[in-house]
Amino acid sequence: MIDISQETIESLEKFVDAKEIPQNEVHLAWLGQAGFAMKFKDKLLIIDPYLSDYLSKKYKNKIFPHIRLMDIPLLPEKIRNLDYVLSSHTHSDHMDPETLTILSNNNPNCKIIVPRAEIEEAVNKGAKMNQIIPTNDGETIELEKNIKIIGVGASHEVLKINEKGEYHFLGYVFHFGGIRIYHSGDCIPYEGLIEKIRDLRIDLALLPINGRDEYRRINNIAGNFKIPEVLELCQKSGIKKLIVHHFGMFAYNTVTEVELNDIRGKNSSNLHIIIPEINQIYKIKKI
């Protein structure tokens, strides 16, 4: 089991600049959308950072203008001690060229972990080939002593797999010592997912809640878990701690305050649910 405590900080820049944190703890901060920064010992890992205004420029005057509803919480130029950055897939709110290029250039020794099916696109979006570590569903990568990741296939409306058996959409399970954190990437339920997650004995899940519908789908906006599906996944796979995400960034692809309040009301002894906030640090430790 794990315990999660919370602390307010002045800025996320202060968080990423922090030196080694207490032994056997993981500190986690939300970056907005599906992005999280994680600290373990003296290592900094970031997954799916969208730290620019790239999409509002790309989709200006389109049906979905992609105007940010929240400020950029941390400029990528301020991150200069990055050890690992992970992308779950190539959509630009997860593999943002204006973020990834800066992180790659300013942190030449960092490693960039991407789905094996998307190596070329990662390079196109700013990663350097010598930084890339590709992975796939079911693969385990030992990053450091006491840090490893396991790829978990994700279905972003579809379970997209190429002819080599390489998944285009991935989630990741992080093992930090004895703490196991699952970031699903963008995903909907698919056959076998619950069994995979149950077998991995997750302590904390980071899951999207923006849902999906036909209107978004026909306009090429691939969807995610609906809130009841997130709760069901946790219940059936034995997950007791949940941080939700993928809300509050774009008006066309979020949840309402009513839905967020409803989630708050779902907290129980069987499932501790956290709705994250910017400039909050979530401190995770084994108990």
Protein backbone atom coordinates (compact mmCIF):
# COMPACT_ATOMS: atom_id res chain seq x y z
CA MET A 1 0.00 0.00 0.00
CA ILE A 2 0.98 3.62 -0.46
CA ASP A 3 0.20 6.90 1.24
CA ILE A 4 -0.18 10.18 -0.69
CA SER A 5 0.31 13.56 0.96
CA GLN A 6 0.08 16.96 -0.67
CA GLU A 7 2.10 20.18 -0.55
CA THR A 8 1.63 23.56 -2.23
CA ILE A 9 4.72 25.09 -3.83
CA GLU A 10 5.44 28.48 -5.37
CA SER A 11 6.21 27.17 -8.84
CA LEU A 12 6.87 23.99 -10.79
CA GLU A 13 10.28 25.36 -11.66
CA LYS A 14 11.16 25.01 -8.00
CA PHE A 15 9.93 21.41 -8.09
CA VAL A 16 11.99 20.31 -11.10
CA ASP A 17 15.07 22.05 -9.70
CA ALA A 18 14.82 20.24 -6.37
CA LYS A 19 17.74 18.02 -5.47
CA GLU A 20 17.44 14.49 -4.15
CA ILE A 21 14.13 13.84 -2.41
CA PRO A 22 13.56 11.64 0.68
CA GLN A 23 14.56 8.00 0.30
CA ASN A 24 11.85 5.65 -1.00
CA GLU A 25 9.43 8.42 -1.94
CA VAL A 26 8.15 9.51 -5.34
CA HIS A 27 7.13 13.14 -5.77
CA LEU A 28 4.74 13.91 -8.59
CA ALA A 29 3.43 17.14 -10.14
CA TRP A 30 0.73 17.64 -12.77
CA LEU A 31 1.70 19.69 -15.82
CA GLY A 32 -1.80 19.95 -17.26
CA GLN A 33 -3.53 17.66 -19.79
CA ALA A 34 -1.78 14.26 -19.53
CA GLY A 35 1.57 15.65 -18.44
CA PHE A 36 3.30 14.76 -15.17
CA ALA A 37 6.75 15.34 -13.72
CA MET A 38 8.11 12.72 -11.32
CA LYS A 39 11.07 12.85 -8.97
CA PHE A 40 12.69 9.74 -7.48
CA LYS A 41 15.95 10.06 -5.57
CA ASP A 42 17.97 12.47 -7.76
CA LYS A 43 16.20 11.61 -11.04
CA LEU A 44 13.64 13.70 -12.93
CA LEU A 45 11.22 12.03 -15.36
CA ILE A 46 8.51 13.78 -17.36
CA ILE A 47 5.71 12.13 -19.34
CA ASP A 48 3.57 13.72 -22.07
CA PRO A 49 4.48 17.37 -21.44
CA TYR A 50 2.49 19.96 -23.40
CA LEU A 51 4.27 23.14 -22.39
CA SER A 52 3.64 25.43 -25.36
CA ASP A 53 0.83 27.01 -27.33
CA TYR A 54 1.61 24.98 -30.44
CA LEU A 55 -1.89 23.60 -30.99
CA SER A 56 -3.72 26.92 -30.77
CA LYS A 57 -1.51 28.16 -33.59
CA LYS A 58 -1.91 25.00 -35.62
CA TYR A 59 -5.70 24.94 -35.32
CA LYS A 60 -6.44 28.67 -35.44
CA ASN A 61 -9.82 29.32 -37.12
CA LYS A 62 -10.57 25.58 -37.28
CA ILE A 63 -13.67 23.85 -35.88
CA PHE A 64 -11.73 23.02 -32.69
CA PRO A 65 -9.38 25.99 -32.10
CA HIS A 66 -7.34 24.35 -29.28
CA ILE A 67 -7.12 27.52 -27.19
CA ARG A 68 -5.48 26.80 -23.85
CA LEU A 69 -7.80 27.15 -20.86
CA MET A 70 -4.85 27.09 -18.44
CA ASP A 71 -1.57 28.96 -18.53
CA ILE A 72 1.63 27.15 -19.40
CA PRO A 73 2.68 26.04 -15.90
CA LEU A 74 6.37 25.55 -16.62
CA LEU A 75 8.41 26.81 -19.56
CA PRO A 76 10.42 23.99 -21.14
CA GLU A 77 13.44 26.33 -21.28
CA LYS A 78 13.53 26.18 -17.48
CA ILE A 79 14.07 22.40 -17.42
CA ARG A 80 17.80 21.64 -17.60
CA ASN A 81 18.22 18.64 -15.32
CA LEU A 82 15.96 16.17 -17.12
CA ASP A 83 16.91 12.50 -17.08
CA TYR A 84 14.01 10.95 -19.00
CA VAL A 85 11.07 12.17 -21.03
CA LEU A 86 8.37 9.74 -22.18
CA SER A 87 5.72 10.13 -24.86
CA SER A 88 2.74 7.80 -24.92
CA HIS A 89 1.93 8.62 -28.56
CA THR A 90 2.50 11.28 -31.22
CA HIS A 91 -0.53 13.57 -30.80
CA SER A 92 0.91 16.99 -30.15
CA ASP A 93 -0.59 17.45 -26.69
CA HIS A 94 1.53 14.41 -25.74
CA MET A 95 4.50 14.69 -28.11
CA ASP A 96 4.64 18.45 -28.56
CA PRO A 97 7.32 19.56 -31.04
CA GLU A 98 7.77 22.95 -29.36
CA THR A 99 8.32 21.25 -26.00
CA LEU A 100 10.24 18.16 -27.10
CA THR A 101 12.72 20.09 -29.26
CA ILE A 102 13.66 22.37 -26.36
CA LEU A 103 13.91 19.54 -23.85
CA SER A 104 16.08 17.54 -26.23
CA ASN A 105 18.41 20.44 -27.00
CA ASN A 106 18.78 21.67 -23.42
CA ASN A 107 19.18 18.20 -21.89
CA PRO A 108 21.52 16.37 -24.30
CA ASN A 109 22.07 13.48 -21.90
CA CYS A 110 18.38 12.78 -21.30
CA LYS A 111 16.77 9.70 -22.80
CA ILE A 112 13.49 9.93 -24.72
CA ILE A 113 11.22 6.90 -24.47
CA VAL A 114 8.66 6.46 -27.25
CA PRO A 115 6.58 3.68 -28.83
CA ARG A 116 8.77 1.70 -31.21
CA ALA A 117 6.26 2.31 -33.99
CA GLU A 118 6.82 6.08 -33.67
CA ILE A 119 10.61 6.51 -33.73
CA GLU A 120 10.56 8.46 -37.00
CA GLU A 121 7.81 10.78 -35.83
CA ALA A 122 9.65 11.41 -32.54
CA VAL A 123 12.68 12.56 -34.54
CA ASN A 124 10.44 14.74 -36.70
CA LYS A 125 9.11 16.36 -33.53
CA GLY A 126 12.51 17.19 -32.08
CA ALA A 127 14.04 14.12 -30.44
CA LYS A 128 17.58 13.20 -31.38
CA MET A 129 18.08 9.63 -32.55
CA ASN A 130 20.87 8.98 -30.04
CA GLN A 131 18.53 9.96 -27.19
CA ILE A 132 15.66 7.66 -28.15
CA ILE A 133 14.83 4.43 -26.31
CA PRO A 134 12.00 2.69 -28.16
CA THR A 135 9.67 0.25 -26.44
CA ASN A 136 6.52 -1.77 -26.98
CA ASP A 137 3.65 -3.46 -25.19
CA GLY A 138 4.93 -5.92 -22.59
CA GLU A 139 8.55 -4.78 -22.74
CA THR A 140 10.49 -3.90 -19.59
CA ILE A 141 13.30 -1.34 -19.62
CA GLU A 142 15.69 -0.94 -16.69
CA LEU A 143 16.46 2.77 -16.66
CA GLU A 144 18.43 2.96 -13.42
CA LYS A 145 18.91 0.92 -10.30
CA ASN A 146 15.41 0.74 -8.77
CA ILE A 147 13.78 2.48 -11.78
CA LYS A 148 12.18 0.52 -14.58
CA ILE A 149 9.25 0.95 -16.94
CA ILE A 150 6.91 -1.54 -18.58
CA GLY A 151 5.04 -0.73 -21.79
CA VAL A 152 1.29 -1.35 -21.81
CA GLY A 153 -0.64 -1.22 -25.08
CA ALA A 154 -3.25 1.55 -25.24
CA SER A 155 -6.36 1.83 -27.39
CA HIS A 156 -6.90 5.46 -28.39
CA GLU A 157 -10.32 4.55 -29.81
CA VAL A 158 -8.40 1.86 -31.76
CA LEU A 159 -5.66 -0.56 -30.77
CA LYS A 160 -3.29 0.51 -33.55
CA ILE A 161 -0.53 -2.04 -34.21
CA ASN A 162 1.74 -2.15 -37.26
CA GLU A 163 2.77 -5.19 -39.27
CA LYS A 164 5.76 -5.72 -36.96
CA GLY A 165 3.51 -5.99 -33.90
CA GLU A 166 4.55 -2.54 -32.66
CA TYR A 167 1.96 -0.45 -30.83
CA HIS A 168 1.43 3.19 -31.82
CA PHE A 169 -0.23 4.04 -28.49
CA LEU A 170 1.29 3.02 -25.17
CA GLY A 171 0.81 3.45 -21.48
CA TYR A 172 3.67 2.95 -19.04
CA VAL A 173 4.01 1.35 -15.63
CA PHE A 174 6.78 3.01 -13.61
CA HIS A 175 8.54 0.96 -10.94
CA PHE A 176 10.27 3.25 -8.45
CA GLY A 177 11.72 0.83 -5.95
CA GLY A 178 8.60 -0.78 -4.53
CA ILE A 179 6.15 1.88 -5.83
CA ARG A 180 4.24 1.11 -9.05
CA ILE A 181 2.56 3.93 -10.99
CA TYR A 182 0.49 3.37 -14.15
CA HIS A 183 0.04 6.15 -16.73
CA SER A 184 -2.34 4.79 -19.34
CA GLY A 185 -1.62 7.35 -22.03
CA ASP A 186 -4.73 8.09 -24.05
CA CYS A 187 -6.84 4.96 -23.81
CA ILE A 188 -10.29 3.43 -23.79
CA PRO A 189 -11.24 -0.02 -22.43
CA TYR A 190 -10.24 -2.99 -24.53
CA GLU A 191 -10.35 -6.74 -24.06
CA GLY A 192 -7.55 -7.91 -21.80
CA LEU A 193 -6.56 -4.51 -20.37
CA ILE A 194 -8.00 -5.14 -16.91
CA GLU A 195 -6.16 -8.47 -16.67
CA LYS A 196 -2.87 -6.85 -17.73
CA ILE A 197 -3.21 -4.12 -15.14
CA ARG A 198 -4.33 -6.47 -12.38
CA ASP A 199 -1.26 -8.64 -12.92
CA LEU A 200 1.03 -5.58 -12.63
CA ARG A 201 -0.29 -4.80 -9.10
CA ILE A 202 -0.55 -1.03 -9.53
CA ASP A 203 -0.31 1.26 -6.48
CA LEU A 204 -1.40 4.47 -8.23
CA ALA A 205 -3.11 5.02 -11.58
CA LEU A 206 -2.96 8.23 -13.66
CA LEU A 207 -5.99 8.00 -15.96
CA PRO A 208 -7.70 10.37 -18.44
CA ILE A 209 -11.36 11.28 -17.92
CA ASN A 210 -12.30 13.44 -20.93
CA GLY A 211 -14.37 10.65 -22.48
CA ARG A 212 -15.45 10.36 -26.11
CA ASP A 213 -18.47 10.79 -28.35
CA GLU A 214 -19.45 10.45 -31.98
CA TYR A 215 -19.21 14.18 -32.73
CA ARG A 216 -15.58 14.34 -31.65
CA ARG A 217 -14.78 11.03 -33.33
CA ILE A 218 -16.08 12.07 -36.77
CA ASN A 219 -14.01 15.25 -36.45
CA ASN A 220 -10.85 13.21 -35.80
CA ILE A 221 -10.69 13.82 -32.06
CA ALA A 222 -9.92 10.38 -30.64
CA GLY A 223 -11.43 9.78 -27.22
CA ASN A 224 -10.52 8.39 -23.84
CA PHE A 225 -12.03 6.65 -20.84
CA LYS A 226 -15.36 7.89 -19.62
CA ILE A 227 -15.49 8.47 -15.88
CA PRO A 228 -17.46 5.27 -15.08
CA GLU A 229 -14.91 3.28 -17.11
CA VAL A 230 -12.05 4.72 -15.06
CA LEU A 231 -13.78 3.73 -11.85
CA GLU A 232 -14.51 0.26 -13.19
CA LEU A 233 -10.89 -0.25 -14.29
CA CYS A 234 -9.66 0.65 -10.82
CA GLN A 235 -12.22 -1.53 -9.08
CA LYS A 236 -11.63 -4.61 -11.25
CA SER A 237 -7.84 -4.33 -11.31
CA GLY A 238 -7.39 -3.69 -7.59
CA ILE A 239 -6.18 -0.07 -7.84
CA LYS A 240 -6.78 1.87 -4.62
CA LYS A 241 -5.28 5.28 -5.56
CA LEU A 242 -6.21 7.34 -8.61
CA ILE A 243 -5.15 10.71 -10.01
CA VAL A 244 -7.34 11.80 -12.92
CA HIS A 245 -6.13 13.99 -15.79
CA HIS A 246 -6.76 15.12 -19.38
CA PHE A 247 -9.22 17.86 -18.42
CA GLY A 248 -9.21 21.64 -18.22
CA MET A 249 -6.96 22.27 -21.26
CA PHE A 250 -9.31 22.59 -24.26
CA ALA A 251 -12.98 23.57 -24.09
CA TYR A 252 -14.08 20.98 -26.66
CA ASN A 253 -12.35 18.06 -24.91
CA THR A 254 -12.73 18.29 -21.14
CA VAL A 255 -15.26 17.57 -18.39
CA THR A 256 -17.59 19.91 -16.55
CA GLU A 257 -17.32 21.17 -12.99
CA VAL A 258 -20.42 19.10 -12.23
CA GLU A 259 -18.58 15.97 -13.37
CA LEU A 260 -15.50 16.88 -11.33
CA ASN A 261 -17.66 17.37 -8.25
CA ASP A 262 -19.29 14.02 -8.93
CA ILE A 263 -15.83 12.39 -9.04
CA ARG A 264 -15.00 13.95 -5.68
CA GLY A 265 -18.08 12.29 -4.30
CA LYS A 266 -16.85 8.86 -5.43
CA ASN A 267 -14.02 8.80 -2.89
CA SER A 268 -14.23 5.79 -0.61
CA SER A 269 -12.10 3.49 1.51
CA ASN A 270 -11.65 1.35 -1.61
CA LEU A 271 -10.57 4.16 -3.95
CA HIS A 272 -8.84 7.41 -3.04
CA ILE A 273 -9.39 9.84 -5.95
CA ILE A 274 -7.31 12.98 -6.47
CA ILE A 275 -8.20 15.77 -8.89
CA PRO A 276 -4.79 17.35 -9.40
CA GLU A 277 -3.98 21.04 -9.37
CA ILE A 278 -1.02 22.98 -10.73
CA ASN A 279 1.66 23.85 -8.14
CA GLN A 280 0.63 20.95 -5.94
CA ILE A 281 3.18 18.24 -5.18
CA TYR A 282 1.89 14.75 -4.44
CA LYS A 283 4.28 12.82 -2.22
CA ILE A 284 3.96 9.05 -2.50
CA LYS A 285 5.50 6.57 -0.12
CA LYS A 286 5.06 2.95 0.83
CA ILE A 287 3.35 2.17 4.10
